[in-house]
Amino acid sequence: MLGASMTAPDDSFHARWIAGYNAPEYRELTAWLRRFVDRLGQSASDEEEERMRQAFHASARYEYLFWDAAWRLELWP
């Protein structure tokens, strides 16, 4: 589980950030959203499913780019 091996001080930004992702409310919401999207996918047409796939790939790409920019200490233009 996220946070099980955390070494950040309890009052640090990182500890608060990890605690947010570990919060029961957040985990319940993400579980609900996964079930919701799975239900949508079960009844989606081939065209809708392809649009869902493209949206997922775009979101994953943006997530990667966000963390890559942070890793490289890139500043916002």
PDB file of N, CA and C in Angstrom:
ATOM      1  N   MET A   1       0.844  -1.181   0.000  1.00  0.00           N
ATOM      2  CA  MET A   1       0.000   0.000   0.000  1.00  0.00           C
ATOM      3  C   MET A   1       0.888   1.242   0.000  1.00  0.00           C
ATOM      4  N   LEU A   2       0.425   2.229  -0.723  1.00  0.00           N
ATOM      5  CA  LEU A   2       1.143   3.491  -0.782  1.00  0.00           C
ATOM      6  C   LEU A   2       1.301   4.052   0.623  1.00  0.00           C
ATOM      7  N   GLY A   3       2.480   4.441   0.943  1.00  0.00           N
ATOM      8  CA  GLY A   3       2.728   5.031   2.247  1.00  0.00           C
ATOM      9  C   GLY A   3       3.261   4.059   3.277  1.00  0.00           C
ATOM     10  N   ALA A   4       3.201   2.766   3.018  1.00  0.00           N
ATOM     11  CA  ALA A   4       3.648   1.786   4.003  1.00  0.00           C
ATOM     12  C   ALA A   4       5.137   1.922   4.294  1.00  0.00           C
ATOM     13  N   SER A   5       5.907   2.313   3.293  1.00  0.00           N
ATOM     14  CA  SER A   5       7.351   2.449   3.499  1.00  0.00           C
ATOM     15  C   SER A   5       7.792   3.909   3.430  1.00  0.00           C
ATOM     16  N   MET A   6       6.864   4.822   3.640  1.00  0.00           N
ATOM     17  CA  MET A   6       7.169   6.245   3.552  1.00  0.00           C
ATOM     18  C   MET A   6       8.143   6.664   4.645  1.00  0.00           C
ATOM     19  N   THR A   7       9.115   7.472   4.237  1.00  0.00           N
ATOM     20  CA  THR A   7      10.091   7.970   5.201  1.00  0.00           C
ATOM     21  C   THR A   7      10.023   9.490   5.360  1.00  0.00           C
ATOM     22  N   ALA A   8       9.074  10.134   4.712  1.00  0.00           N
ATOM     23  CA  ALA A   8       8.944  11.585   4.817  1.00  0.00           C
ATOM     24  C   ALA A   8       8.411  11.961   6.198  1.00  0.00           C
ATOM     25  N   PRO A   9       8.848  13.103   6.728  1.00  0.00           N
ATOM     26  CA  PRO A   9       8.308  13.573   8.011  1.00  0.00           C
ATOM     27  C   PRO A   9       6.786  13.736   7.929  1.00  0.00           C
ATOM     28  N   ASP A  10       6.114  13.445   9.021  1.00  0.00           N
ATOM     29  CA  ASP A  10       4.645  13.484   9.045  1.00  0.00           C
ATOM     30  C   ASP A  10       4.057  14.821   8.619  1.00  0.00           C
ATOM     31  N   ASP A  11       4.760  15.928   8.875  1.00  0.00           N
ATOM     32  CA  ASP A  11       4.217  17.247   8.550  1.00  0.00           C
ATOM     33  C   ASP A  11       4.694  17.762   7.193  1.00  0.00           C
ATOM     34  N   SER A  12       5.336  16.916   6.400  1.00  0.00           N
ATOM     35  CA  SER A  12       5.854  17.356   5.106  1.00  0.00           C
ATOM     36  C   SER A  12       4.766  17.327   4.035  1.00  0.00           C
ATOM     37  N   PHE A  13       5.008  18.043   2.955  1.00  0.00           N
ATOM     38  CA  PHE A  13       4.091  18.044   1.822  1.00  0.00           C
ATOM     39  C   PHE A  13       3.887  16.633   1.305  1.00  0.00           C
ATOM     40  N   HIS A  14       4.962  15.869   1.176  1.00  0.00           N
ATOM     41  CA  HIS A  14       4.861  14.527   0.617  1.00  0.00           C
ATOM     42  C   HIS A  14       4.020  13.605   1.504  1.00  0.00           C
ATOM     43  N   ALA A  15       4.156  13.737   2.796  1.00  0.00           N
ATOM     44  CA  ALA A  15       3.356  12.913   3.705  1.00  0.00           C
ATOM     45  C   ALA A  15       1.872  13.258   3.560  1.00  0.00           C
ATOM     46  N   ARG A  16       1.563  14.544   3.464  1.00  0.00           N
ATOM     47  CA  ARG A  16       0.165  14.959   3.290  1.00  0.00           C
ATOM     48  C   ARG A  16      -0.373  14.496   1.942  1.00  0.00           C
ATOM     49  N   TRP A  17       0.447  14.560   0.901  1.00  0.00           N
ATOM     50  CA  TRP A  17       0.050  14.132  -0.440  1.00  0.00           C
ATOM     51  C   TRP A  17      -0.252  12.635  -0.443  1.00  0.00           C
ATOM     52  N   ILE A  18       0.631  11.843   0.138  1.00  0.00           N
ATOM     53  CA  ILE A  18       0.419  10.387   0.198  1.00  0.00           C
ATOM     54  C   ILE A  18      -0.799  10.068   1.061  1.00  0.00           C
ATOM     55  N   ALA A  19      -0.964  10.784   2.163  1.00  0.00           N
ATOM     56  CA  ALA A  19      -2.133  10.551   3.027  1.00  0.00           C
ATOM     57  C   ALA A  19      -3.430  10.804   2.259  1.00  0.00           C
ATOM     58  N   GLY A  20      -3.427  11.801   1.380  1.00  0.00           N
ATOM     59  CA  GLY A  20      -4.612  12.070   0.572  1.00  0.00           C
ATOM     60  C   GLY A  20      -4.970  10.895  -0.321  1.00  0.00           C
ATOM     61  N   TYR A  21      -3.964  10.305  -0.952  1.00  0.00           N
ATOM     62  CA  TYR A  21      -4.201   9.146  -1.813  1.00  0.00           C
ATOM     63  C   TYR A  21      -4.560   7.899  -1.010  1.00  0.00           C
ATOM     64  N   ASN A  22      -4.150   7.840   0.232  1.00  0.00           N
ATOM     65  CA  ASN A  22      -4.464   6.699   1.096  1.00  0.00           C
ATOM     66  C   ASN A  22      -5.794   6.852   1.822  1.00  0.00           C
ATOM     67  N   ALA A  23      -6.375   8.029   1.781  1.00  0.00           N
ATOM     68  CA  ALA A  23      -7.623   8.281   2.514  1.00  0.00           C
ATOM     69  C   ALA A  23      -8.725   7.349   2.019  1.00  0.00           C
ATOM     70  N   PRO A  24      -9.508   6.803   2.939  1.00  0.00           N
ATOM     71  CA  PRO A  24     -10.599   5.910   2.529  1.00  0.00           C
ATOM     72  C   PRO A  24     -11.548   6.554   1.524  1.00  0.00           C
ATOM     73  N   GLU A  25     -11.832   7.845   1.681  1.00  0.00           N
ATOM     74  CA  GLU A  25     -12.745   8.531   0.770  1.00  0.00           C
ATOM     75  C   GLU A  25     -12.185   8.533  -0.661  1.00  0.00           C
ATOM     76  N   TYR A  26     -10.905   8.788  -0.782  1.00  0.00           N
ATOM     77  CA  TYR A  26     -10.278   8.816  -2.105  1.00  0.00           C
ATOM     78  C   TYR A  26     -10.286   7.417  -2.722  1.00  0.00           C
ATOM     79  N   ARG A  27      -9.934   6.422  -1.935  1.00  0.00           N
ATOM     80  CA  ARG A  27      -9.914   5.055  -2.446  1.00  0.00           C
ATOM     81  C   ARG A  27     -11.317   4.590  -2.822  1.00  0.00           C
ATOM     82  N   GLU A  28     -12.324   4.962  -2.044  1.00  0.00           N
ATOM     83  CA  GLU A  28     -13.711   4.609  -2.379  1.00  0.00           C
ATOM     84  C   GLU A  28     -14.145   5.288  -3.671  1.00  0.00           C
ATOM     85  N   LEU A  29     -13.790   6.559  -3.827  1.00  0.00           N
ATOM     86  CA  LEU A  29     -14.162   7.290  -5.033  1.00  0.00           C
ATOM     87  C   LEU A  29     -13.512   6.664  -6.271  1.00  0.00           C
ATOM     88  N   THR A  30     -12.228   6.344  -6.185  1.00  0.00           N
ATOM     89  CA  THR A  30     -11.563   5.759  -7.347  1.00  0.00           C
ATOM     90  C   THR A  30     -12.129   4.379  -7.668  1.00  0.00           C
ATOM     91  N   ALA A  31     -12.487   3.600  -6.674  1.00  0.00           N
ATOM     92  CA  ALA A  31     -13.109   2.294  -6.919  1.00  0.00           C
ATOM     93  C   ALA A  31     -14.457   2.480  -7.613  1.00  0.00           C
ATOM     94  N   TRP A  32     -15.241   3.462  -7.150  1.00  0.00           N
ATOM     95  CA  TRP A  32     -16.538   3.739  -7.773  1.00  0.00           C
ATOM     96  C   TRP A  32     -16.358   4.172  -9.228  1.00  0.00           C
ATOM     97  N   LEU A  33     -15.388   5.057  -9.467  1.00  0.00           N
ATOM     98  CA  LEU A  33     -15.145   5.521 -10.829  1.00  0.00           C
ATOM     99  C   LEU A  33     -14.711   4.383 -11.749  1.00  0.00           C
ATOM    100  N   ARG A  34     -13.887   3.484 -11.246  1.00  0.00           N
ATOM    101  CA  ARG A  34     -13.478   2.327 -12.061  1.00  0.00           C
ATOM    102  C   ARG A  34     -14.687   1.478 -12.426  1.00  0.00           C
ATOM    103  N   ARG A  35     -15.565   1.222 -11.462  1.00  0.00           N
ATOM    104  CA  ARG A  35     -16.768   0.433 -11.752  1.00  0.00           C
ATOM    105  C   ARG A  35     -17.654   1.153 -12.765  1.00  0.00           C
ATOM    106  N   PHE A  36     -17.776   2.471 -12.616  1.00  0.00           N
ATOM    107  CA  PHE A  36     -18.594   3.278 -13.523  1.00  0.00           C
ATOM    108  C   PHE A  36     -18.064   3.186 -14.958  1.00  0.00           C
ATOM    109  N   VAL A  37     -16.762   3.382 -15.120  1.00  0.00           N
ATOM    110  CA  VAL A  37     -16.170   3.333 -16.456  1.00  0.00           C
ATOM    111  C   VAL A  37     -16.256   1.909 -17.025  1.00  0.00           C
ATOM    112  N   ASP A  38     -16.075   0.908 -16.191  1.00  0.00           N
ATOM    113  CA  ASP A  38     -16.228  -0.474 -16.662  1.00  0.00           C
ATOM    114  C   ASP A  38     -17.643  -0.717 -17.185  1.00  0.00           C
ATOM    115  N   ARG A  39     -18.645  -0.207 -16.471  1.00  0.00           N
ATOM    116  CA  ARG A  39     -20.035  -0.358 -16.924  1.00  0.00           C
ATOM    117  C   ARG A  39     -20.248   0.356 -18.261  1.00  0.00           C
ATOM    118  N   LEU A  40     -19.706   1.550 -18.389  1.00  0.00           N
ATOM    119  CA  LEU A  40     -19.823   2.277 -19.654  1.00  0.00           C
ATOM    120  C   LEU A  40     -19.170   1.489 -20.788  1.00  0.00           C
ATOM    121  N   GLY A  41     -18.020   0.916 -20.497  1.00  0.00           N
ATOM    122  CA  GLY A  41     -17.306   0.153 -21.512  1.00  0.00           C
ATOM    123  C   GLY A  41     -18.053  -1.082 -21.961  1.00  0.00           C
ATOM    124  N   GLN A  42     -18.797  -1.707 -21.061  1.00  0.00           N
ATOM    125  CA  GLN A  42     -19.529  -2.923 -21.412  1.00  0.00           C
ATOM    126  C   GLN A  42     -20.623  -2.656 -22.436  1.00  0.00           C
ATOM    127  N   SER A  43     -21.204  -1.462 -22.414  1.00  0.00           N
ATOM    128  CA  SER A  43     -22.295  -1.160 -23.339  1.00  0.00           C
ATOM    129  C   SER A  43     -21.868  -0.216 -24.459  1.00  0.00           C
ATOM    130  N   ALA A  44     -20.580   0.076 -24.556  1.00  0.00           N
ATOM    131  CA  ALA A  44     -20.099   1.028 -25.553  1.00  0.00           C
ATOM    132  C   ALA A  44     -20.054   0.389 -26.936  1.00  0.00           C
ATOM    133  N   SER A  45     -20.344   1.201 -27.930  1.00  0.00           N
ATOM    134  CA  SER A  45     -20.175   0.755 -29.315  1.00  0.00           C
ATOM    135  C   SER A  45     -18.676   0.699 -29.612  1.00  0.00           C
ATOM    136  N   ASP A  46     -18.322   0.123 -30.735  1.00  0.00           N
ATOM    137  CA  ASP A  46     -16.908   0.066 -31.113  1.00  0.00           C
ATOM    138  C   ASP A  46     -16.313   1.467 -31.217  1.00  0.00           C
ATOM    139  N   GLU A  47     -17.083   2.399 -31.765  1.00  0.00           N
ATOM    140  CA  GLU A  47     -16.609   3.779 -31.902  1.00  0.00           C
ATOM    141  C   GLU A  47     -16.425   4.433 -30.532  1.00  0.00           C
ATOM    142  N   GLU A  48     -17.386   4.236 -29.639  1.00  0.00           N
ATOM    143  CA  GLU A  48     -17.272   4.800 -28.285  1.00  0.00           C
ATOM    144  C   GLU A  48     -16.098   4.184 -27.541  1.00  0.00           C
ATOM    145  N   GLU A  49     -15.924   2.881 -27.709  1.00  0.00           N
ATOM    146  CA  GLU A  49     -14.802   2.210 -27.034  1.00  0.00           C
ATOM    147  C   GLU A  49     -13.468   2.757 -27.531  1.00  0.00           C
ATOM    148  N   GLU A  50     -13.371   3.011 -28.818  1.00  0.00           N
ATOM    149  CA  GLU A  50     -12.132   3.582 -29.363  1.00  0.00           C
ATOM    150  C   GLU A  50     -11.892   4.985 -28.821  1.00  0.00           C
ATOM    151  N   ARG A  51     -12.946   5.786 -28.699  1.00  0.00           N
ATOM    152  CA  ARG A  51     -12.792   7.128 -28.122  1.00  0.00           C
ATOM    153  C   ARG A  51     -12.368   7.039 -26.658  1.00  0.00           C
ATOM    154  N   MET A  52     -12.908   6.070 -25.927  1.00  0.00           N
ATOM    155  CA  MET A  52     -12.508   5.868 -24.532  1.00  0.00           C
ATOM    156  C   MET A  52     -11.031   5.484 -24.458  1.00  0.00           C
ATOM    157  N   ARG A  53     -10.616   4.607 -25.360  1.00  0.00           N
ATOM    158  CA  ARG A  53      -9.219   4.170 -25.394  1.00  0.00           C
ATOM    159  C   ARG A  53      -8.303   5.362 -25.685  1.00  0.00           C
ATOM    160  N   GLN A  54      -8.679   6.181 -26.648  1.00  0.00           N
ATOM    161  CA  GLN A  54      -7.880   7.358 -26.982  1.00  0.00           C
ATOM    162  C   GLN A  54      -7.806   8.335 -25.813  1.00  0.00           C
ATOM    163  N   ALA A  55      -8.913   8.527 -25.107  1.00  0.00           N
ATOM    164  CA  ALA A  55      -8.922   9.425 -23.944  1.00  0.00           C
ATOM    165  C   ALA A  55      -8.012   8.885 -22.849  1.00  0.00           C
ATOM    166  N   PHE A  56      -8.050   7.566 -22.635  1.00  0.00           N
ATOM    167  CA  PHE A  56      -7.171   6.972 -21.625  1.00  0.00           C
ATOM    168  C   PHE A  56      -5.708   7.157 -22.009  1.00  0.00           C
ATOM    169  N   HIS A  57      -5.378   6.903 -23.256  1.00  0.00           N
ATOM    170  CA  HIS A  57      -3.984   7.051 -23.696  1.00  0.00           C
ATOM    171  C   HIS A  57      -3.519   8.497 -23.564  1.00  0.00           C
ATOM    172  N   ALA A  58      -4.388   9.443 -23.909  1.00  0.00           N
ATOM    173  CA  ALA A  58      -4.026  10.859 -23.768  1.00  0.00           C
ATOM    174  C   ALA A  58      -3.797  11.208 -22.304  1.00  0.00           C
ATOM    175  N   SER A  59      -4.674  10.740 -21.419  1.00  0.00           N
ATOM    176  CA  SER A  59      -4.514  11.064 -19.994  1.00  0.00           C
ATOM    177  C   SER A  59      -3.242  10.439 -19.435  1.00  0.00           C
ATOM    178  N   ALA A  60      -2.920   9.213 -19.858  1.00  0.00           N
ATOM    179  CA  ALA A  60      -1.687   8.568 -19.397  1.00  0.00           C
ATOM    180  C   ALA A  60      -0.467   9.333 -19.902  1.00  0.00           C
ATOM    181  N   ARG A  61      -0.542   9.810 -21.133  1.00  0.00           N
ATOM    182  CA  ARG A  61       0.574  10.589 -21.692  1.00  0.00           C
ATOM    183  C   ARG A  61       0.769  11.878 -20.904  1.00  0.00           C
ATOM    184  N   TYR A  62      -0.321  12.582 -20.619  1.00  0.00           N
ATOM    185  CA  TYR A  62      -0.210  13.831 -19.851  1.00  0.00           C
ATOM    186  C   TYR A  62       0.332  13.574 -18.447  1.00  0.00           C
ATOM    187  N   GLU A  63      -0.084  12.481 -17.842  1.00  0.00           N
ATOM    188  CA  GLU A  63       0.433  12.128 -16.506  1.00  0.00           C
ATOM    189  C   GLU A  63       1.938  11.889 -16.579  1.00  0.00           C
ATOM    190  N   TYR A  64       2.364  11.142 -17.582  1.00  0.00           N
ATOM    191  CA  TYR A  64       3.802  10.900 -17.770  1.00  0.00           C
ATOM    192  C   TYR A  64       4.544  12.218 -17.966  1.00  0.00           C
ATOM    193  N   LEU A  65       4.026  13.070 -18.854  1.00  0.00           N
ATOM    194  CA  LEU A  65       4.700  14.339 -19.121  1.00  0.00           C
ATOM    195  C   LEU A  65       4.771  15.218 -17.881  1.00  0.00           C
ATOM    196  N   PHE A  66       3.725  15.193 -17.056  1.00  0.00           N
ATOM    197  CA  PHE A  66       3.731  15.959 -15.806  1.00  0.00           C
ATOM    198  C   PHE A  66       4.891  15.515 -14.911  1.00  0.00           C
ATOM    199  N   TRP A  67       4.991  14.203 -14.673  1.00  0.00           N
ATOM    200  CA  TRP A  67       6.040  13.704 -13.788  1.00  0.00           C
ATOM    201  C   TRP A  67       7.414  13.829 -14.416  1.00  0.00           C
ATOM    202  N   ASP A  68       7.520  13.678 -15.719  1.00  0.00           N
ATOM    203  CA  ASP A  68       8.800  13.843 -16.394  1.00  0.00           C
ATOM    204  C   ASP A  68       9.288  15.278 -16.263  1.00  0.00           C
ATOM    205  N   ALA A  69       8.382  16.241 -16.422  1.00  0.00           N
ATOM    206  CA  ALA A  69       8.763  17.645 -16.276  1.00  0.00           C
ATOM    207  C   ALA A  69       9.224  17.935 -14.847  1.00  0.00           C
ATOM    208  N   ALA A  70       8.537  17.355 -13.879  1.00  0.00           N
ATOM    209  CA  ALA A  70       8.953  17.543 -12.475  1.00  0.00           C
ATOM    210  C   ALA A  70      10.329  16.935 -12.241  1.00  0.00           C
ATOM    211  N   TRP A  71      10.567  15.761 -12.791  1.00  0.00           N
ATOM    212  CA  TRP A  71      11.852  15.079 -12.621  1.00  0.00           C
ATOM    213  C   TRP A  71      12.983  15.923 -13.195  1.00  0.00           C
ATOM    214  N   ARG A  72      12.709  16.563 -14.322  1.00  0.00           N
ATOM    215  CA  ARG A  72      13.740  17.377 -14.984  1.00  0.00           C
ATOM    216  C   ARG A  72      13.749  18.814 -14.463  1.00  0.00           C
ATOM    217  N   LEU A  73      12.938  19.115 -13.449  1.00  0.00           N
ATOM    218  CA  LEU A  73      12.842  20.457 -12.854  1.00  0.00           C
ATOM    219  C   LEU A  73      12.478  21.510 -13.897  1.00  0.00           C
ATOM    220  N   GLU A  74      11.625  21.116 -14.829  1.00  0.00           N
ATOM    221  CA  GLU A  74      11.180  22.014 -15.877  1.00  0.00           C
ATOM    222  C   GLU A  74      10.246  23.076 -15.303  1.00  0.00           C
ATOM    223  N   LEU A  75      10.389  24.296 -15.748  1.00  0.00           N
ATOM    224  CA  LEU A  75       9.546  25.383 -15.301  1.00  0.00           C
ATOM    225  C   LEU A  75       8.430  25.608 -16.298  1.00  0.00           C
ATOM    226  N   TRP A  76       7.293  26.113 -15.818  1.00  0.00           N
ATOM    227  CA  TRP A  76       6.170  26.427 -16.682  1.00  0.00           C
ATOM    228  C   TRP A  76       6.537  27.638 -17.546  1.00  0.00           C
ATOM    229  N   PRO A  77       6.236  27.559 -18.840  1.00  0.00           N
ATOM    230  CA  PRO A  77       6.619  28.698 -19.729  1.00  0.00           C
ATOM    231  C   PRO A  77       5.913  29.988 -19.369  1.00  0.00           C
TER     232      PRO A  77
END
